Amino acid sequence: MKFDFLNKKGELLSGKLELPEQQPRGFALFAHCFTCSKDFVAANVISKQLAKNGIGVLRFDFTGLGNSQGDFANTNFSSNVEDLVAACEALTEKYEAPQLLIGHSLGGAAVLKASAKISSAKAMVTIGAPSSIDHVAHLFSGEISEIEEKGQAQVKLAGRSFTIKKQFVDDIKEVDILSEVKASKKALLVLHSPIDNTVSIDHATKIFVTAKHPKSFVTLDNADHLLMKRSNAKYAGDVISAWAGRYMEAEPKEEMKIEKNHVLTKSRIDSKFTQDIYTKDHHIIADEPKSYKGDNLGMNPYDLVLAGLGACTSMTIKMYAERKGIKLDEVLVDLSHKKIYAKDCDECETESGKVDVIEKHISITGEFDEAQEKRLYEIAERCPVNRTLQSEIKIKSSH
């Protein structure tokens, strides 16, 4: 889902928030590689894989890149760090503080630098990250003299033209990443390819050796620096998900006082339809499909009504069968809902407008005779939810 926020200068940064279908077990920030974007293969695949494994992930375009506002020429490594902090503040305000920081290439170095300013983070992950920021200068080493002399130069990076100013070069000279790594008390996972031709694996070794425990090192066999093969990015996402589990224990939250037989629905900030639904002991999500501009994270409200009726019908049949000693293998209840004109409904008392029609098809398998089968279908209509929906209902609203 779209998740835009303002940076320190008031410029709008473009972000995407990947949410799992269930309640997130924690949130992460993902920082993309140098001159890349939030939609680059590695950022996209890894974030989605983390979401599949229960972790919410915010990935965003740094200032001046992708769909974010601002001029890339006026940015530098320090401004990237500030963008990460701004992303953390926005995520904390609208959802929950991130417990995990993930960075790819220069984004990994930015994560290491920003971690001291993000107290909520318990763990960090670097993917192909350099141990020193001045390493980035080799990407435009041929233009360094022109940058020093004229104050800026046009450079080609990954086939695209960018303006690099002297302030960018000066900034990276002043950053000491390894001192930040040495001082950090956060858990660290280093992911790196032994055949990385952009940032050699020696950089990963320096980061790993400098870091204090707990720390882990995983080799990304046969992967290029950018993780262009989706299988390599997917593998990285699975490794991060498994490793981060022990460092992303849910923070104690203020317990919601929900009484027995009550249901509480809570809308999500920056989401058009998504609702968190709570009872005293359980949590589910309701939403609308993407065709209705929803996020499709859960069943829609009518689906939930049908689900309640179907579940109640099946439970009622099984309870009766158990009481009577009838062996059932399976109960299937297929339901659908539609609205039809009252004049087309022979069994309806309403004579004008439209009426709601729920069609319920029950299929039972097991060991029973014809008389028992007939009785099971009769009992199904005694389901409490079935009776409620067919009786007069009065809804009283208050605020």
Protein backbone atom coordinates (compact mmCIF):
# COMPACT_ATOMS: atom_id res chain seq x y z
CA MET A 1 0.00 0.00 0.00
CA LYS A 2 1.07 3.60 -0.60
CA PHE A 3 2.86 5.22 2.34
CA ASP A 4 4.18 8.74 1.68
CA PHE A 5 5.78 10.96 4.30
CA LEU A 6 7.78 14.19 4.64
CA ASN A 7 11.54 14.38 5.05
CA LYS A 8 13.35 16.90 7.23
CA LYS A 9 13.09 19.57 4.51
CA GLY A 10 9.35 19.08 4.06
CA GLU A 11 9.72 17.21 0.76
CA LEU A 12 7.33 14.33 0.10
CA LEU A 13 9.04 10.94 -0.02
CA SER A 14 7.30 8.08 -1.82
CA GLY A 15 6.96 4.87 0.15
CA LYS A 16 5.27 1.49 0.01
CA LEU A 17 4.18 -0.44 3.06
CA GLU A 18 4.03 -4.22 2.69
CA LEU A 19 1.69 -5.71 5.27
CA PRO A 20 1.19 -9.39 6.09
CA GLU A 21 -2.30 -10.88 5.97
CA GLN A 22 -2.19 -11.51 9.70
CA GLN A 23 -1.33 -9.10 12.50
CA PRO A 24 2.36 -8.12 11.91
CA ARG A 25 4.82 -9.61 14.39
CA GLY A 26 6.88 -6.48 13.93
CA PHE A 27 7.90 -3.80 11.42
CA ALA A 28 11.05 -3.20 9.38
CA LEU A 29 12.55 -0.34 7.34
CA PHE A 30 14.24 -1.16 4.03
CA ALA A 31 16.87 1.17 2.52
CA HIS A 32 17.54 0.58 -1.20
CA CYS A 33 20.87 0.60 -3.02
CA PHE A 34 22.69 3.71 -4.34
CA THR A 35 20.68 5.49 -7.10
CA CYS A 36 18.12 2.64 -7.08
CA SER A 37 14.50 2.92 -5.90
CA LYS A 38 11.98 1.21 -3.67
CA ASP A 39 10.69 -0.74 -6.70
CA PHE A 40 14.06 -2.24 -7.58
CA VAL A 41 14.05 -6.06 -7.73
CA ALA A 42 15.80 -6.71 -4.41
CA ALA A 43 13.78 -4.14 -2.44
CA ASN A 44 10.51 -5.35 -3.94
CA VAL A 45 11.04 -9.10 -3.59
CA ILE A 46 12.67 -9.06 -0.16
CA SER A 47 9.97 -6.78 1.28
CA LYS A 48 7.16 -8.97 -0.07
CA GLN A 49 8.87 -12.10 1.22
CA LEU A 50 9.18 -10.58 4.69
CA ALA A 51 5.48 -9.68 4.60
CA LYS A 52 4.62 -13.28 3.70
CA ASN A 53 6.52 -14.28 6.83
CA GLY A 54 4.59 -11.90 9.07
CA ILE A 55 6.81 -8.78 9.06
CA GLY A 56 5.49 -5.42 7.90
CA VAL A 57 8.05 -3.56 5.76
CA LEU A 58 8.29 0.10 4.76
CA ARG A 59 10.46 0.71 1.67
CA PHE A 60 10.78 4.17 0.21
CA ASP A 61 12.60 6.27 -2.39
CA PHE A 62 15.36 8.43 -0.96
CA THR A 63 15.12 12.16 -1.73
CA GLY A 64 15.39 12.90 -5.44
CA LEU A 65 15.02 9.26 -6.52
CA GLY A 66 12.06 7.24 -7.81
CA ASN A 67 8.82 9.06 -7.07
CA SER A 68 10.17 11.14 -4.19
CA GLN A 69 10.45 14.91 -4.32
CA GLY A 70 13.73 16.80 -4.10
CA ASP A 71 16.87 17.12 -6.20
CA PHE A 72 19.28 14.16 -6.07
CA ALA A 73 22.18 16.53 -6.80
CA ASN A 74 21.60 18.22 -3.43
CA THR A 75 21.55 14.97 -1.46
CA ASN A 76 24.37 13.03 0.13
CA PHE A 77 24.96 10.11 2.48
CA SER A 78 24.03 12.20 5.52
CA SER A 79 20.71 13.21 3.96
CA ASN A 80 19.98 9.52 3.29
CA VAL A 81 20.46 8.85 6.98
CA GLU A 82 18.06 11.71 7.77
CA ASP A 83 15.51 10.19 5.36
CA LEU A 84 15.73 6.88 7.23
CA VAL A 85 15.07 8.63 10.53
CA ALA A 86 12.10 10.47 8.99
CA ALA A 87 10.74 7.14 7.71
CA CYS A 88 11.06 5.68 11.20
CA GLU A 89 9.17 8.60 12.72
CA ALA A 90 6.36 8.31 10.15
CA LEU A 91 6.02 4.56 10.62
CA THR A 92 6.03 4.95 14.40
CA GLU A 93 3.32 7.61 14.27
CA LYS A 94 0.99 5.76 11.92
CA TYR A 95 1.65 2.12 12.84
CA GLU A 96 4.46 0.96 15.07
CA ALA A 97 8.14 1.70 15.65
CA PRO A 98 10.41 -0.49 13.48
CA GLN A 99 12.36 -3.20 15.26
CA LEU A 100 14.38 -4.22 12.21
CA LEU A 101 16.53 -2.14 9.82
CA ILE A 102 17.54 -3.57 6.43
CA GLY A 103 19.86 -1.91 3.92
CA HIS A 104 21.13 -2.94 0.48
CA SER A 105 24.55 -1.72 -0.70
CA LEU A 106 24.92 1.96 0.28
CA GLY A 107 21.52 1.62 1.94
CA GLY A 108 23.15 -0.94 4.24
CA ALA A 109 25.81 1.58 5.24
CA ALA A 110 23.04 4.15 5.84
CA VAL A 111 21.27 1.67 8.11
CA LEU A 112 24.44 1.11 10.14
CA LYS A 113 24.87 4.88 10.52
CA ALA A 114 21.21 5.59 11.29
CA SER A 115 20.79 2.76 13.80
CA ALA A 116 22.11 4.85 16.69
CA LYS A 117 19.28 7.35 16.03
CA ILE A 118 16.57 4.68 15.86
CA SER A 119 16.28 3.35 19.38
CA SER A 120 13.34 1.06 18.61
CA ALA A 121 15.46 -1.10 16.29
CA LYS A 122 16.72 -4.28 17.91
CA ALA A 123 18.43 -5.73 14.85
CA MET A 124 20.09 -4.70 11.57
CA VAL A 125 20.69 -6.44 8.26
CA THR A 126 23.17 -5.40 5.57
CA ILE A 127 23.13 -6.79 2.03
CA GLY A 128 26.26 -6.20 -0.04
CA ALA A 129 27.11 -3.16 2.08
CA PRO A 130 30.47 -1.32 1.96
CA SER A 131 32.48 -0.92 5.14
CA SER A 132 33.58 2.58 4.13
CA ILE A 133 31.48 5.16 2.31
CA ASP A 134 34.32 6.62 0.27
CA HIS A 135 34.22 3.29 -1.56
CA VAL A 136 31.26 4.78 -3.45
CA ALA A 137 33.63 7.28 -5.09
CA HIS A 138 35.11 4.53 -7.27
CA LEU A 139 31.83 4.51 -9.21
CA PHE A 140 32.67 7.95 -10.57
CA SER A 141 36.45 8.07 -10.04
CA GLY A 142 36.95 9.35 -13.58
CA GLU A 143 34.98 12.49 -12.77
CA ILE A 144 36.51 13.25 -9.35
CA SER A 145 38.94 15.85 -10.77
CA GLU A 146 36.10 17.65 -12.59
CA ILE A 147 33.97 17.59 -9.43
CA GLU A 148 36.80 19.03 -7.36
CA GLU A 149 37.57 21.71 -9.98
CA LYS A 150 34.06 22.73 -11.13
CA GLY A 151 32.05 21.81 -8.05
CA GLN A 152 29.99 19.16 -9.87
CA ALA A 153 29.95 16.75 -12.80
CA GLN A 154 27.55 14.56 -14.76
CA VAL A 155 28.25 10.89 -14.13
CA LYS A 156 26.81 7.70 -15.58
CA LEU A 157 25.56 5.23 -12.98
CA ALA A 158 23.78 2.02 -14.04
CA GLY A 159 23.16 3.56 -17.45
CA ARG A 160 21.56 6.73 -16.06
CA SER A 161 22.97 10.24 -15.77
CA PHE A 162 23.27 11.89 -12.35
CA THR A 163 24.75 15.16 -11.12
CA ILE A 164 27.30 14.61 -8.36
CA LYS A 165 28.36 17.71 -6.44
CA LYS A 166 31.48 18.36 -4.39
CA GLN A 167 29.41 18.40 -1.20
CA PHE A 168 28.55 14.72 -1.85
CA VAL A 169 32.22 13.80 -2.17
CA ASP A 170 33.16 15.84 0.91
CA ASP A 171 30.36 14.23 2.91
CA ILE A 172 31.40 10.63 2.25
CA LYS A 173 34.97 11.43 3.26
CA GLU A 174 33.81 12.37 6.75
CA VAL A 175 31.76 9.25 7.50
CA ASP A 176 33.26 6.41 9.57
CA ILE A 177 30.96 3.41 9.34
CA LEU A 178 33.08 0.92 11.28
CA SER A 179 33.14 3.14 14.37
CA GLU A 180 29.33 3.06 14.33
CA VAL A 181 29.38 -0.73 13.96
CA LYS A 182 31.82 -1.10 16.85
CA ALA A 183 29.68 1.06 19.15
CA SER A 184 26.39 -0.61 18.28
CA LYS A 185 24.72 -3.06 20.66
CA LYS A 186 22.11 -4.20 18.16
CA ALA A 187 22.06 -7.68 16.63
CA LEU A 188 23.59 -7.76 13.13
CA LEU A 189 23.12 -10.03 10.12
CA VAL A 190 25.57 -9.58 7.24
CA LEU A 191 24.53 -10.94 3.82
CA HIS A 192 27.09 -10.79 1.01
CA SER A 193 28.00 -12.59 -2.20
CA PRO A 194 31.54 -13.97 -2.62
CA ILE A 195 31.40 -12.99 -6.32
CA ASP A 196 30.21 -9.41 -5.72
CA ASN A 197 32.22 -7.34 -8.22
CA THR A 198 30.86 -3.99 -7.00
CA VAL A 199 31.48 -4.29 -3.26
CA SER A 200 33.94 -7.08 -2.54
CA ILE A 201 33.26 -9.55 0.24
CA ASP A 202 36.24 -8.08 2.12
CA HIS A 203 33.92 -5.24 3.12
CA ALA A 204 31.49 -7.71 4.69
CA THR A 205 34.35 -9.32 6.58
CA LYS A 206 35.40 -5.97 8.06
CA ILE A 207 31.84 -5.19 9.15
CA PHE A 208 31.37 -8.63 10.68
CA VAL A 209 34.71 -8.70 12.53
CA THR A 210 34.15 -5.19 13.91
CA ALA A 211 30.62 -5.88 15.20
CA LYS A 212 29.92 -7.21 18.66
CA HIS A 213 27.81 -10.29 19.25
CA PRO A 214 25.08 -11.23 18.53
CA LYS A 215 26.08 -11.28 14.87
CA SER A 216 25.62 -13.64 11.93
CA PHE A 217 27.11 -13.97 8.45
CA VAL A 218 25.34 -15.64 5.52
CA THR A 219 26.92 -16.04 2.09
CA LEU A 220 24.68 -15.37 -0.90
CA ASP A 221 26.09 -17.98 -3.24
CA ASN A 222 26.11 -17.10 -6.95
CA ALA A 223 24.34 -13.76 -6.40
CA ASP A 224 25.37 -10.53 -8.09
CA HIS A 225 25.63 -7.29 -6.15
CA LEU A 226 22.13 -6.09 -7.03
CA LEU A 227 20.45 -9.50 -6.50
CA MET A 228 18.87 -9.25 -9.93
CA LYS A 229 17.76 -12.89 -9.90
CA ARG A 230 14.48 -13.03 -8.00
CA SER A 231 15.42 -16.41 -6.52
CA ASN A 232 18.43 -14.83 -4.77
CA ALA A 233 16.31 -11.96 -3.44
CA LYS A 234 13.64 -14.41 -2.26
CA TYR A 235 16.27 -16.48 -0.47
CA ALA A 236 17.61 -13.35 1.24
CA GLY A 237 14.08 -12.48 2.37
CA ASP A 238 13.55 -15.95 3.86
CA VAL A 239 16.91 -15.85 5.66
CA ILE A 240 16.19 -12.41 7.13
CA SER A 241 12.70 -13.50 8.25
CA ALA A 242 14.01 -16.56 10.06
CA TRP A 243 16.95 -14.76 11.66
CA ALA A 244 14.96 -11.71 12.76
CA GLY A 245 12.35 -13.79 14.58
CA ARG A 246 14.23 -13.94 17.87
CA TYR A 247 14.82 -10.17 17.82
CA MET A 248 11.27 -9.11 16.94
CA GLU A 249 9.29 -10.23 19.92
CA ALA A 250 6.10 -8.23 20.12
CA GLU A 251 6.36 -5.15 22.30
CA PRO A 252 3.95 -5.13 25.20
CA LYS A 253 0.95 -3.09 24.12
CA GLU A 254 -1.86 -1.57 26.04
CA GLU A 255 -4.45 -4.30 26.32
CA MET A 256 -7.78 -3.42 24.80
CA LYS A 257 -10.67 -3.99 27.17
CA ILE A 258 -13.07 -6.06 25.09
CA GLU A 259 -15.93 -7.71 26.89
CA LYS A 260 -17.14 -11.20 26.20
CA ASN A 261 -19.58 -11.40 23.25
CA HIS A 262 -18.39 -7.99 22.01
CA VAL A 263 -16.57 -7.28 18.75
CA LEU A 264 -14.36 -4.23 18.19
CA THR A 265 -13.42 -2.99 14.71
CA LYS A 266 -10.56 -0.54 14.28
CA SER A 267 -9.66 1.26 11.04
CA ARG A 268 -6.05 1.48 9.92
CA ILE A 269 -4.43 4.86 9.31
CA ASP A 270 -3.68 5.59 5.64
CA SER A 271 -5.78 2.63 4.50
CA LYS A 272 -9.05 3.11 2.64
CA PHE A 273 -10.92 0.03 3.85
CA THR A 274 -8.69 -2.24 5.97
CA GLN A 275 -10.13 -2.99 9.42
CA ASP A 276 -8.63 -4.87 12.36
CA ILE A 277 -11.35 -6.85 14.11
CA TYR A 278 -10.90 -7.94 17.71
CA THR A 279 -12.81 -10.08 20.16
CA LYS A 280 -11.71 -10.85 23.69
CA ASP A 281 -9.43 -13.64 22.44
CA HIS A 282 -9.00 -13.25 18.68
CA HIS A 283 -8.00 -10.94 15.84
CA ILE A 284 -8.84 -11.01 12.11
CA ILE A 285 -8.69 -8.49 9.25
CA ALA A 286 -11.49 -7.23 7.01
CA ASP A 287 -10.89 -5.43 3.73
CA GLU A 288 -12.13 -4.93 0.19
CA PRO A 289 -10.54 -6.41 -2.95
CA LYS A 290 -8.09 -4.37 -5.02
CA SER A 291 -10.76 -4.04 -7.72
CA TYR A 292 -12.61 -1.81 -5.22
CA LYS A 293 -9.35 0.03 -4.35
CA GLY A 294 -8.87 -1.96 -1.18
CA ASP A 295 -5.68 -3.76 -0.08
CA ASN A 296 -7.26 -7.25 -0.15
CA LEU A 297 -5.81 -8.18 3.25
CA GLY A 298 -8.94 -9.96 4.41
CA MET A 299 -12.53 -10.90 3.63
CA ASN A 300 -15.02 -8.15 2.85
CA PRO A 301 -17.92 -7.49 5.27
CA TYR A 302 -20.46 -9.58 3.33
CA ASP A 303 -17.96 -12.46 3.15
CA LEU A 304 -17.68 -12.27 6.93
CA VAL A 305 -21.47 -12.47 7.29
CA LEU A 306 -21.54 -15.55 5.05
CA ALA A 307 -18.57 -17.02 6.93
CA GLY A 308 -20.42 -16.66 10.22
CA LEU A 309 -23.51 -18.37 8.81
CA GLY A 310 -21.50 -21.15 7.17
CA ALA A 311 -19.43 -21.83 10.28
CA CYS A 312 -22.50 -21.86 12.51
CA THR A 313 -24.32 -24.23 10.12
CA SER A 314 -21.41 -26.68 10.07
CA MET A 315 -20.94 -26.51 13.85
CA THR A 316 -24.64 -27.16 14.45
CA ILE A 317 -24.60 -30.24 12.19
CA LYS A 318 -21.46 -31.62 13.84
CA MET A 319 -22.78 -31.05 17.36
CA TYR A 320 -26.00 -32.92 16.56
CA ALA A 321 -24.12 -35.77 14.85
CA GLU A 322 -21.79 -36.19 17.83
CA ARG A 323 -24.72 -36.22 20.24
CA LYS A 324 -26.50 -38.90 18.18
CA GLY A 325 -23.39 -40.98 17.51
CA ILE A 326 -23.43 -40.33 13.76
CA LYS A 327 -19.97 -40.55 12.14
CA LEU A 328 -19.28 -37.54 9.90
CA ASP A 329 -16.23 -37.22 7.66
CA GLU A 330 -16.78 -33.73 6.34
CA VAL A 331 -19.29 -30.89 6.25
CA LEU A 332 -19.07 -28.37 3.43
CA VAL A 333 -21.21 -25.23 3.32
CA ASP A 334 -21.07 -23.18 0.10
CA LEU A 335 -22.73 -19.77 0.42
CA SER A 336 -23.37 -16.83 -1.87
CA HIS A 337 -25.12 -13.50 -1.49
CA LYS A 338 -26.95 -11.33 -4.00
CA LYS A 339 -29.67 -8.69 -4.19
CA ILE A 340 -32.73 -9.24 -6.36
CA TYR A 341 -35.88 -7.27 -7.03
CA ALA A 342 -38.70 -8.14 -4.64
CA LYS A 343 -41.08 -8.78 -7.55
CA ASP A 344 -38.78 -11.63 -8.67
CA CYS A 345 -38.89 -13.35 -5.28
CA ASP A 346 -41.92 -15.65 -4.88
CA GLU A 347 -41.13 -16.42 -1.22
CA CYS A 348 -40.52 -12.84 -0.04
CA GLU A 349 -43.04 -10.73 1.92
CA THR A 350 -41.47 -7.50 0.67
CA GLU A 351 -43.24 -6.31 -2.47
CA SER A 352 -41.08 -3.39 -3.65
CA GLY A 353 -37.42 -2.53 -3.94
CA LYS A 354 -34.71 -5.17 -3.55
CA VAL A 355 -34.23 -8.00 -1.08
CA ASP A 356 -31.10 -9.84 0.02
CA VAL A 357 -30.89 -13.49 -0.96
CA ILE A 358 -28.37 -15.87 0.61
CA GLU A 359 -28.05 -19.23 -1.07
CA LYS A 360 -26.65 -22.02 1.10
CA HIS A 361 -25.62 -25.41 -0.30
CA ILE A 362 -24.71 -28.06 2.29
CA SER A 363 -22.74 -31.21 1.49
CA ILE A 364 -22.27 -33.94 4.13
CA THR A 365 -20.18 -37.09 3.90
CA GLY A 366 -19.97 -39.87 6.47
CA GLU A 367 -21.69 -43.01 7.68
CA PHE A 368 -25.45 -42.46 8.00
CA ASP A 369 -28.70 -43.75 6.56
CA GLU A 370 -31.25 -41.81 4.54
CA ALA A 371 -33.35 -40.85 7.56
CA GLN A 372 -30.30 -39.59 9.48
CA GLU A 373 -29.15 -37.58 6.48
CA LYS A 374 -32.55 -35.92 6.17
CA ARG A 375 -32.49 -35.06 9.89
CA LEU A 376 -28.99 -33.55 9.62
CA TYR A 377 -30.16 -31.18 6.88
CA GLU A 378 -33.18 -30.21 8.99
CA ILE A 379 -30.96 -29.50 12.00
CA ALA A 380 -28.76 -27.28 9.85
CA GLU A 381 -31.61 -24.77 9.58
CA ARG A 382 -31.66 -24.47 13.38
CA CYS A 383 -28.25 -22.87 13.40
CA PRO A 384 -28.48 -19.81 15.74
CA VAL A 385 -26.98 -17.43 13.15
CA ASN A 386 -29.43 -18.76 10.54
CA ARG A 387 -32.31 -17.98 12.91
CA THR A 388 -30.94 -14.52 13.70
CA LEU A 389 -30.65 -13.57 10.03
CA GLN A 390 -34.23 -14.73 9.39
CA SER A 391 -35.72 -12.95 12.39
CA GLU A 392 -36.47 -9.28 12.94
CA ILE A 393 -33.21 -7.49 13.73
CA LYS A 394 -32.93 -4.12 15.46
CA ILE A 395 -29.54 -2.38 15.38
CA LYS A 396 -29.07 0.36 17.97
CA SER A 397 -26.23 2.80 17.28
CA SER A 398 -24.59 5.14 19.78
CA HIS A 399 -21.58 7.48 19.84
